Amino acid sequence: MNLKQLSIAYECLDSIGNSLEFNSMVFEILCTFSHKTNALGSYYYSNNADNEPILKLGVNSDFRFNRENVKDQSYIIEDYKEFRIIILPLRYGYLEFVYKESDESVEEYAVMFGGFQNKINIAIASCSGVERLEMLNEDLEASIESSVNKLKHHEKMLIAQSKQATMGEMIEMIAHQWRQPITAIGMISNSIMFDLVLDELDKEDLKTQLEEVNKQIDFLSNTIDDFRNFFKEGKVKERLSLNSLINRVINLVQKQYDNARIKIIQENINQDIYIDVLKNELMQAMLNIFNNSYDAFIEMLDSEINKTLNIGWNINNERIEVYIKDNAGGIKEEIISSIFEPYFSTKNERNGTGLGLYISKIIITEHLGGDIRVQNIDAGSMFTIVLPLNETDDVKD
């Protein structure tokens, strides 16, 4: 083999496998092989029954070879009209090169191409492997996206179910909230009725009593608005006072806590912060924690203890930390790491669903971009809701 032939062989060999994209790699082979050997045309055929080439370069040829004759060969040379044609069978298809009938180097080219057969097979297999891997990756990404969407839908359903599950407790809370003002209105009504019967109705007393009735009616109206708004679906952030949101949660549970002789203490009320937040979601998370503390207080054997629940907030490392702590005996150390898991429940829980704190964690972490943690302190436990501090959040004294 002379220097010119060595140069041709080297450049043809160097053109194999320079791309992992199948068409680009095969097309580079066709271009280099054709250019270096002065082929009139070159083609790539797949293994299927289609007689049309997938890739082609140069003159059009109506030559069609018998694939059975080519099978298991290093190469074959066919004479067709005024052409000589080299066919190089591959594991994944065939290469065809067309030359002038007078070209005396065709046999040398055929031998050279046959020597490249194994490397071309490896290069094509690599491209096919990459393509299959890309397809698998696409399928995997689609599968992951589908699974994530299903998970999000499932979590959304859980949150909705959690709200529905608390409706019974909410009705109980409404009963606690309304019992006192309804009783007060009834007493005022009876007092006015007696004054009318005894003809002792005083105009100023009547005015004072009616003002008290209106006050109690306003309380009833505001309470039902709080409960109605809690169950509203809404995914739009609202800008509101954090203290006012805490007050709304307290209003929902106040009478129930009062009847159980649990004192709610709101701390750090001299300072406030205005935040952009999903109001109902944050209220639900807080309410779940309040209910968890309430259940713990109800299950306490020591009825003489002064039961207290403290709630407040502070700013720590550019984060808002809302803490809710009680003195209800704390959480057993062997289960404290599991209380945010779905369906985890202690045998003494009233509802036993084990979804309340799990839902709170989803709301805080997934919907509000924050975190929630719990720890035992003194004679009770403390839940801390951590929220990101945004540039728009406004602290006011």
Protein backbone atom coordinates (compact mmCIF):
# COMPACT_ATOMS: atom_id res chain seq x y z
CA MET A 1 0.00 0.00 0.00
CA ASN A 2 1.56 3.28 -1.14
CA LEU A 3 1.56 6.61 0.70
CA LYS A 4 -1.53 7.89 -1.13
CA GLN A 5 -3.51 4.78 -0.25
CA LEU A 6 -2.36 5.00 3.37
CA SER A 7 -3.52 8.62 3.51
CA ILE A 8 -6.92 7.69 2.07
CA ALA A 9 -7.30 4.78 4.50
CA TYR A 10 -6.31 6.94 7.48
CA GLU A 11 -8.75 9.75 6.65
CA CYS A 12 -11.59 7.30 5.97
CA LEU A 13 -10.90 5.51 9.25
CA ASP A 14 -10.70 8.82 11.10
CA SER A 15 -14.20 9.77 9.88
CA ILE A 16 -15.86 6.84 11.69
CA GLY A 17 -17.54 7.44 15.03
CA ASN A 18 -17.09 11.19 15.36
CA SER A 19 -20.70 11.75 16.38
CA LEU A 20 -23.19 9.97 18.60
CA GLU A 21 -26.05 11.25 16.46
CA PHE A 22 -26.75 8.46 13.96
CA ASN A 23 -27.51 10.43 10.79
CA SER A 24 -24.60 12.83 11.34
CA MET A 25 -22.15 10.01 11.92
CA VAL A 26 -23.21 7.95 8.85
CA PHE A 27 -23.37 11.03 6.65
CA GLU A 28 -19.78 11.91 7.61
CA ILE A 29 -18.69 8.41 6.56
CA LEU A 30 -20.47 8.76 3.20
CA CYS A 31 -18.92 12.19 2.58
CA THR A 32 -15.37 11.22 3.53
CA PHE A 33 -15.38 7.82 1.80
CA SER A 34 -16.88 9.31 -1.39
CA HIS A 35 -14.55 12.30 -1.48
CA LYS A 36 -11.35 10.36 -0.79
CA THR A 37 -12.12 7.51 -3.24
CA ASN A 38 -13.77 9.63 -5.95
CA ALA A 39 -17.06 7.74 -5.68
CA LEU A 40 -19.89 8.99 -7.91
CA GLY A 41 -22.44 8.31 -5.24
CA SER A 42 -22.86 6.71 -1.84
CA TYR A 43 -25.90 5.45 0.09
CA TYR A 44 -26.99 3.98 3.41
CA TYR A 45 -29.79 1.40 3.54
CA SER A 46 -31.51 0.10 6.67
CA ASN A 47 -32.16 -3.57 7.40
CA ASN A 48 -35.86 -3.34 6.64
CA ALA A 49 -37.44 -4.34 3.36
CA ASP A 50 -37.52 -0.78 2.01
CA ASN A 51 -35.30 -0.54 -1.09
CA GLU A 52 -34.92 3.22 -0.84
CA PRO A 53 -31.79 4.53 0.90
CA ILE A 54 -32.15 6.44 4.14
CA LEU A 55 -29.15 8.64 3.35
CA LYS A 56 -27.67 9.32 -0.05
CA LEU A 57 -24.95 11.44 -1.61
CA GLY A 58 -24.08 12.08 -5.28
CA VAL A 59 -25.67 10.52 -8.36
CA ASN A 60 -28.97 8.69 -8.25
CA SER A 61 -28.67 4.98 -8.94
CA ASP A 62 -31.43 2.57 -9.82
CA PHE A 63 -29.28 -0.39 -8.83
CA ARG A 64 -30.90 -2.71 -6.30
CA PHE A 65 -28.82 -5.50 -4.80
CA ASN A 66 -29.98 -8.88 -3.55
CA ARG A 67 -29.68 -8.77 0.20
CA GLU A 68 -29.38 -12.51 0.52
CA ASN A 69 -26.24 -12.44 -1.62
CA VAL A 70 -24.72 -9.75 0.61
CA LYS A 71 -25.52 -11.36 3.94
CA ASP A 72 -22.49 -12.49 6.03
CA GLN A 73 -20.02 -11.04 3.52
CA SER A 74 -17.19 -8.61 4.26
CA TYR A 75 -18.05 -6.85 1.01
CA ILE A 76 -19.12 -7.57 -2.55
CA ILE A 77 -18.50 -5.85 -5.88
CA GLU A 78 -21.26 -5.74 -8.51
CA ASP A 79 -21.04 -4.56 -12.13
CA TYR A 80 -24.07 -2.61 -13.23
CA LYS A 81 -24.34 -0.78 -16.55
CA GLU A 82 -21.33 1.56 -16.76
CA PHE A 83 -20.72 1.39 -13.01
CA ARG A 84 -18.89 -0.74 -10.50
CA ILE A 85 -20.56 -0.86 -7.12
CA ILE A 86 -19.17 -1.77 -3.69
CA ILE A 87 -21.69 -3.05 -1.15
CA LEU A 88 -20.58 -3.15 2.48
CA PRO A 89 -22.98 -5.14 4.71
CA LEU A 90 -23.25 -3.96 8.30
CA ARG A 91 -24.96 -5.23 11.40
CA TYR A 92 -27.48 -2.41 11.12
CA GLY A 93 -27.88 -1.83 7.38
CA TYR A 94 -25.73 -1.52 4.26
CA LEU A 95 -23.37 0.99 2.67
CA GLU A 96 -23.19 1.30 -1.12
CA PHE A 97 -20.57 3.17 -3.17
CA VAL A 98 -20.82 3.75 -6.93
CA TYR A 99 -17.73 4.15 -9.15
CA LYS A 100 -16.98 4.47 -12.84
CA GLU A 101 -16.53 1.17 -14.62
CA SER A 102 -13.02 2.26 -15.59
CA ASP A 103 -11.88 2.93 -12.02
CA GLU A 104 -9.10 0.41 -11.37
CA SER A 105 -8.94 1.04 -7.63
CA VAL A 106 -12.40 -0.35 -6.81
CA GLU A 107 -10.99 -3.67 -5.54
CA GLU A 108 -8.55 -1.83 -3.25
CA TYR A 109 -11.32 0.37 -1.93
CA ALA A 110 -13.54 -2.66 -1.31
CA VAL A 111 -10.81 -4.40 0.70
CA MET A 112 -10.20 -1.20 2.69
CA PHE A 113 -13.93 -0.73 3.42
CA GLY A 114 -14.19 -4.36 4.48
CA GLY A 115 -11.41 -3.74 7.01
CA PHE A 116 -13.45 -0.89 8.48
CA GLN A 117 -16.60 -3.02 8.81
CA ASN A 118 -16.18 -3.84 12.51
CA LYS A 119 -15.44 -0.25 13.57
CA ILE A 120 -18.43 1.05 11.58
CA ASN A 121 -20.64 -1.55 13.28
CA ILE A 122 -19.43 -0.43 16.71
CA ALA A 123 -19.97 3.26 15.86
CA ILE A 124 -23.50 2.63 14.58
CA ALA A 125 -24.29 0.48 17.62
CA SER A 126 -23.08 3.29 19.88
CA CYS A 127 -25.35 5.77 18.11
CA SER A 128 -28.28 3.35 18.33
CA GLY A 129 -27.55 2.81 22.01
CA VAL A 130 -27.49 6.54 22.66
CA GLU A 131 -30.74 7.00 20.77
CA ARG A 132 -32.36 4.20 22.74
CA LEU A 133 -31.01 5.70 25.96
CA GLU A 134 -32.42 9.10 24.99
CA MET A 135 -35.77 7.49 24.27
CA LEU A 136 -35.63 5.74 27.64
CA ASN A 137 -34.75 9.05 29.30
CA GLU A 138 -37.67 10.74 27.56
CA ASP A 139 -39.97 7.92 28.65
CA LEU A 140 -38.55 8.15 32.17
CA GLU A 141 -39.03 11.93 32.29
CA ALA A 142 -42.60 11.52 31.05
CA SER A 143 -43.20 8.80 33.65
CA ILE A 144 -41.71 10.97 36.43
CA GLU A 145 -43.79 13.96 35.35
CA SER A 146 -46.90 11.80 35.32
CA SER A 147 -46.06 10.41 38.77
CA VAL A 148 -45.40 13.91 40.15
CA ASN A 149 -48.72 15.15 38.73
CA LYS A 150 -50.50 12.17 40.28
CA LEU A 151 -48.77 12.82 43.60
CA LYS A 152 -49.73 16.50 43.52
CA HIS A 153 -53.31 15.53 42.69
CA HIS A 154 -53.29 13.01 45.54
CA GLU A 155 -51.93 15.60 47.97
CA LYS A 156 -54.58 18.08 46.81
CA MET A 157 -57.25 15.45 47.43
CA LEU A 158 -55.79 14.73 50.87
CA ILE A 159 -55.90 18.41 51.79
CA ALA A 160 -59.50 18.64 50.61
CA GLN A 161 -60.39 15.47 52.53
CA SER A 162 -58.63 16.84 55.59
CA LYS A 163 -60.77 19.97 55.44
CA GLN A 164 -63.90 17.87 55.10
CA ALA A 165 -62.79 15.66 57.99
CA THR A 166 -62.53 18.71 60.25
CA MET A 167 -66.06 19.87 59.47
CA GLY A 168 -67.44 17.96 62.45
CA GLU A 169 -64.93 19.63 64.73
CA MET A 170 -65.74 22.96 63.14
CA ILE A 171 -69.44 22.51 63.82
CA GLU A 172 -68.56 21.76 67.42
CA MET A 173 -66.46 24.93 67.52
CA ILE A 174 -69.34 26.95 66.07
CA ALA A 175 -71.60 25.58 68.80
CA HIS A 176 -69.07 26.66 71.43
CA GLN A 177 -68.69 30.09 69.81
CA TRP A 178 -72.43 30.73 69.49
CA ARG A 179 -73.70 29.34 72.79
CA GLN A 180 -72.73 32.35 74.88
CA PRO A 181 -73.97 35.14 72.53
CA ILE A 182 -77.22 33.26 71.86
CA THR A 183 -77.75 32.89 75.59
CA ALA A 184 -77.03 36.59 76.06
CA ILE A 185 -79.51 37.58 73.34
CA GLY A 186 -82.13 35.30 74.91
CA MET A 187 -81.63 36.87 78.34
CA ILE A 188 -81.86 40.40 76.91
CA SER A 189 -85.02 39.47 75.01
CA ASN A 190 -86.64 38.02 78.13
CA SER A 191 -85.65 41.12 80.11
CA ILE A 192 -87.31 43.41 77.55
CA MET A 193 -90.38 41.15 77.50
CA PHE A 194 -90.72 41.34 81.33
CA ASP A 195 -90.31 45.12 81.28
CA LEU A 196 -93.10 45.34 78.66
CA VAL A 197 -95.40 43.11 80.71
CA LEU A 198 -94.73 45.11 83.88
CA ASP A 199 -94.94 48.38 81.96
CA GLU A 200 -91.50 49.31 83.30
CA LEU A 201 -89.71 49.69 79.98
CA ASP A 202 -87.18 52.51 80.12
CA LYS A 203 -86.11 54.09 76.82
CA GLU A 204 -82.45 54.41 77.78
CA ASP A 205 -82.32 50.85 79.16
CA LEU A 206 -83.96 49.58 75.97
CA LYS A 207 -81.38 51.39 73.86
CA THR A 208 -78.51 49.91 75.90
CA GLN A 209 -80.01 46.41 75.66
CA LEU A 210 -80.56 46.67 71.90
CA GLU A 211 -76.96 47.85 71.44
CA GLU A 212 -75.84 44.75 73.34
CA VAL A 213 -78.03 42.59 71.06
CA ASN A 214 -76.44 44.18 67.99
CA LYS A 215 -73.00 43.57 69.47
CA GLN A 216 -73.78 39.88 69.97
CA ILE A 217 -75.26 39.64 66.45
CA ASP A 218 -72.10 41.17 65.00
CA PHE A 219 -70.05 38.59 66.89
CA LEU A 220 -72.19 35.79 65.44
CA SER A 221 -71.88 37.23 61.94
CA ASN A 222 -68.11 37.64 62.15
CA THR A 223 -67.73 34.12 63.50
CA ILE A 224 -69.69 32.52 60.68
CA ASP A 225 -67.68 34.57 58.17
CA ASP A 226 -64.46 33.20 59.67
CA PHE A 227 -65.67 29.63 59.34
CA ARG A 228 -67.07 30.18 55.85
CA ASN A 229 -63.84 31.78 54.62
CA PHE A 230 -61.82 28.91 56.04
CA PHE A 231 -63.53 26.46 53.70
CA LYS A 232 -63.24 28.64 50.63
CA GLU A 233 -60.97 27.36 47.89
CA GLY A 234 -58.32 29.91 47.08
CA LYS A 235 -54.80 29.73 45.71
CA VAL A 236 -54.19 33.49 45.45
CA LYS A 237 -51.79 35.01 47.94
CA GLU A 238 -53.20 37.78 50.11
CA ARG A 239 -51.28 40.54 51.84
CA LEU A 240 -52.33 40.61 55.47
CA SER A 241 -51.18 41.11 59.00
CA LEU A 242 -49.68 38.00 60.60
CA ASN A 243 -51.17 38.98 63.96
CA SER A 244 -54.63 39.30 62.41
CA LEU A 245 -54.31 35.85 60.86
CA ILE A 246 -53.28 34.40 64.22
CA ASN A 247 -56.28 36.17 65.79
CA ARG A 248 -58.59 34.55 63.25
CA VAL A 249 -57.30 31.10 64.15
CA ILE A 250 -57.67 31.87 67.85
CA ASN A 251 -61.25 33.06 67.28
CA LEU A 252 -62.09 29.72 65.68
CA VAL A 253 -60.99 27.71 68.72
CA GLN A 254 -61.41 30.22 71.55
CA LYS A 255 -64.70 28.95 73.05
CA GLN A 256 -63.66 25.32 72.74
CA TYR A 257 -60.43 26.11 74.58
CA ASP A 258 -62.29 28.19 77.16
CA ASN A 259 -64.68 25.32 77.91
CA ALA A 260 -61.69 23.02 78.44
CA ARG A 261 -60.09 25.70 80.65
CA ILE A 262 -57.12 26.10 78.34
CA LYS A 263 -55.72 29.62 78.27
CA ILE A 264 -54.44 30.93 74.92
CA ILE A 265 -51.64 33.50 75.27
CA GLN A 266 -50.68 35.56 72.22
CA GLU A 267 -47.10 36.81 72.57
CA ASN A 268 -45.15 39.61 70.88
CA ILE A 269 -48.32 41.47 69.95
CA ASN A 270 -46.61 44.88 70.08
CA GLN A 271 -44.95 44.17 66.74
CA ASP A 272 -46.61 43.03 63.51
CA ILE A 273 -45.58 42.00 60.03
CA TYR A 274 -47.51 42.16 56.76
CA ILE A 275 -46.88 39.14 54.53
CA ASP A 276 -48.07 37.77 51.20
CA VAL A 277 -49.46 34.34 52.00
CA LEU A 278 -52.11 31.76 51.13
CA LYS A 279 -54.35 32.68 54.04
CA ASN A 280 -56.64 29.66 54.24
CA GLU A 281 -53.79 27.18 53.82
CA LEU A 282 -51.73 28.75 56.61
CA MET A 283 -54.81 28.93 58.83
CA GLN A 284 -55.49 25.25 58.22
CA ALA A 285 -51.91 24.32 59.14
CA MET A 286 -52.13 26.33 62.37
CA LEU A 287 -55.56 24.96 63.18
CA ASN A 288 -54.29 21.39 62.85
CA ILE A 289 -51.58 22.19 65.42
CA PHE A 290 -54.12 23.82 67.76
CA ASN A 291 -56.32 20.71 67.48
CA ASN A 292 -53.32 18.50 68.19
CA SER A 293 -52.59 20.44 71.38
CA TYR A 294 -56.26 20.39 72.37
CA ASP A 295 -56.37 16.59 72.05
CA ALA A 296 -53.22 16.32 74.18
CA PHE A 297 -54.77 18.53 76.88
CA ILE A 298 -58.00 16.49 76.92
CA GLU A 299 -56.04 13.26 77.40
CA MET A 300 -54.05 14.65 80.36
CA LEU A 301 -54.67 12.87 83.66
CA ASP A 302 -53.62 15.85 85.77
CA SER A 303 -56.67 18.12 85.73
CA GLU A 304 -55.22 20.58 88.23
CA ILE A 305 -52.50 21.96 85.94
CA ASN A 306 -52.91 25.47 84.56
CA LYS A 307 -53.28 24.58 80.86
CA THR A 308 -51.75 27.15 78.53
CA LEU A 309 -51.01 27.45 74.84
CA ASN A 310 -48.66 30.22 73.74
CA ILE A 311 -48.43 31.49 70.18
CA GLY A 312 -46.17 34.16 68.75
CA TRP A 313 -43.63 34.87 66.06
CA ASN A 314 -40.20 36.32 65.52
CA ILE A 315 -37.69 36.87 62.71
CA ASN A 316 -34.61 34.66 62.72
CA ASN A 317 -31.97 34.56 59.94
CA GLU A 318 -34.26 36.26 57.42
CA ARG A 319 -37.07 33.82 58.13
CA ILE A 320 -40.36 34.24 59.94
CA GLU A 321 -40.79 31.69 62.73
CA VAL A 322 -44.32 31.19 64.09
CA TYR A 323 -44.21 29.09 67.27
CA ILE A 324 -47.08 27.32 69.01
CA LYS A 325 -46.16 25.78 72.37
CA ASP A 326 -48.22 24.08 75.05
CA ASN A 327 -47.71 22.45 78.45
CA ALA A 328 -49.73 19.32 77.61
CA GLY A 329 -47.00 16.84 78.55
CA GLY A 330 -45.04 16.72 75.32
CA ILE A 331 -44.67 13.97 72.71
CA LYS A 332 -43.07 10.61 73.39
CA GLU A 333 -39.49 10.59 72.14
CA GLU A 334 -39.96 7.29 70.31
CA ILE A 335 -42.68 8.76 68.07
CA ILE A 336 -41.78 12.44 67.77
CA SER A 337 -39.80 11.85 64.57
CA SER A 338 -42.83 10.17 62.95
CA ILE A 339 -45.69 12.55 63.68
CA PHE A 340 -45.50 14.28 60.29
CA GLU A 341 -45.76 10.99 58.42
CA PRO A 342 -49.05 10.22 56.60
CA TYR A 343 -51.58 8.19 58.56
CA PHE A 344 -49.38 8.13 61.67
CA SER A 345 -51.64 8.16 64.69
CA THR A 346 -51.47 7.36 68.39
CA LYS A 347 -54.16 5.04 69.72
CA ASN A 348 -55.62 7.75 71.98
CA GLU A 349 -56.25 10.29 69.22
CA ARG A 350 -59.90 11.16 68.88
CA ASN A 351 -60.13 11.00 65.11
CA GLY A 352 -57.18 8.67 64.58
CA THR A 353 -56.77 9.60 60.91
CA GLY A 354 -53.15 10.72 61.34
CA LEU A 355 -53.53 13.23 58.50
CA GLY A 356 -53.66 16.55 60.35
CA LEU A 357 -49.96 17.15 60.93
CA TYR A 358 -49.04 15.49 57.63
CA ILE A 359 -51.33 17.93 55.82
CA SER A 360 -49.78 20.81 57.77
CA LYS A 361 -46.33 19.73 56.60
CA ILE A 362 -47.46 19.55 52.96
CA ILE A 363 -49.05 23.00 53.18
CA ILE A 364 -46.01 24.61 54.81
CA THR A 365 -43.32 22.94 52.70
CA GLU A 366 -45.01 22.53 49.31
CA HIS A 367 -47.47 25.43 49.15
CA LEU A 368 -45.77 28.09 51.27
CA GLY A 369 -42.11 27.24 50.59
CA GLY A 370 -41.30 26.94 54.29
CA ASP A 371 -40.64 24.27 56.88
CA ILE A 372 -42.21 22.90 60.05
CA ARG A 373 -40.55 21.25 63.03
CA VAL A 374 -41.46 20.06 66.50
CA GLN A 375 -39.60 19.62 69.78
CA ASN A 376 -40.37 18.90 73.39
CA ILE A 377 -39.82 21.83 75.76
CA ASP A 378 -40.35 21.98 79.51
CA ALA A 379 -43.67 20.23 80.20
CA GLY A 380 -44.99 20.32 76.65
CA SER A 381 -44.19 20.56 72.97
CA MET A 382 -43.48 23.40 70.57
CA PHE A 383 -44.30 23.45 66.86
CA THR A 384 -42.42 26.01 64.76
CA ILE A 385 -43.67 27.08 61.34
CA VAL A 386 -40.81 28.62 59.33
CA LEU A 387 -41.79 30.92 56.46
CA PRO A 388 -39.49 32.68 53.99
CA LEU A 389 -39.06 36.41 54.59
CA ASN A 390 -39.73 38.17 51.29
CA GLU A 391 -38.68 41.64 50.20
CA THR A 392 -42.30 42.79 50.27
CA ASP A 393 -42.85 41.68 53.88
CA ASP A 394 -43.25 44.76 56.07
CA VAL A 395 -42.46 44.76 59.80
CA LYS A 396 -44.34 47.39 61.82
CA ASP A 397 -44.20 48.36 65.46
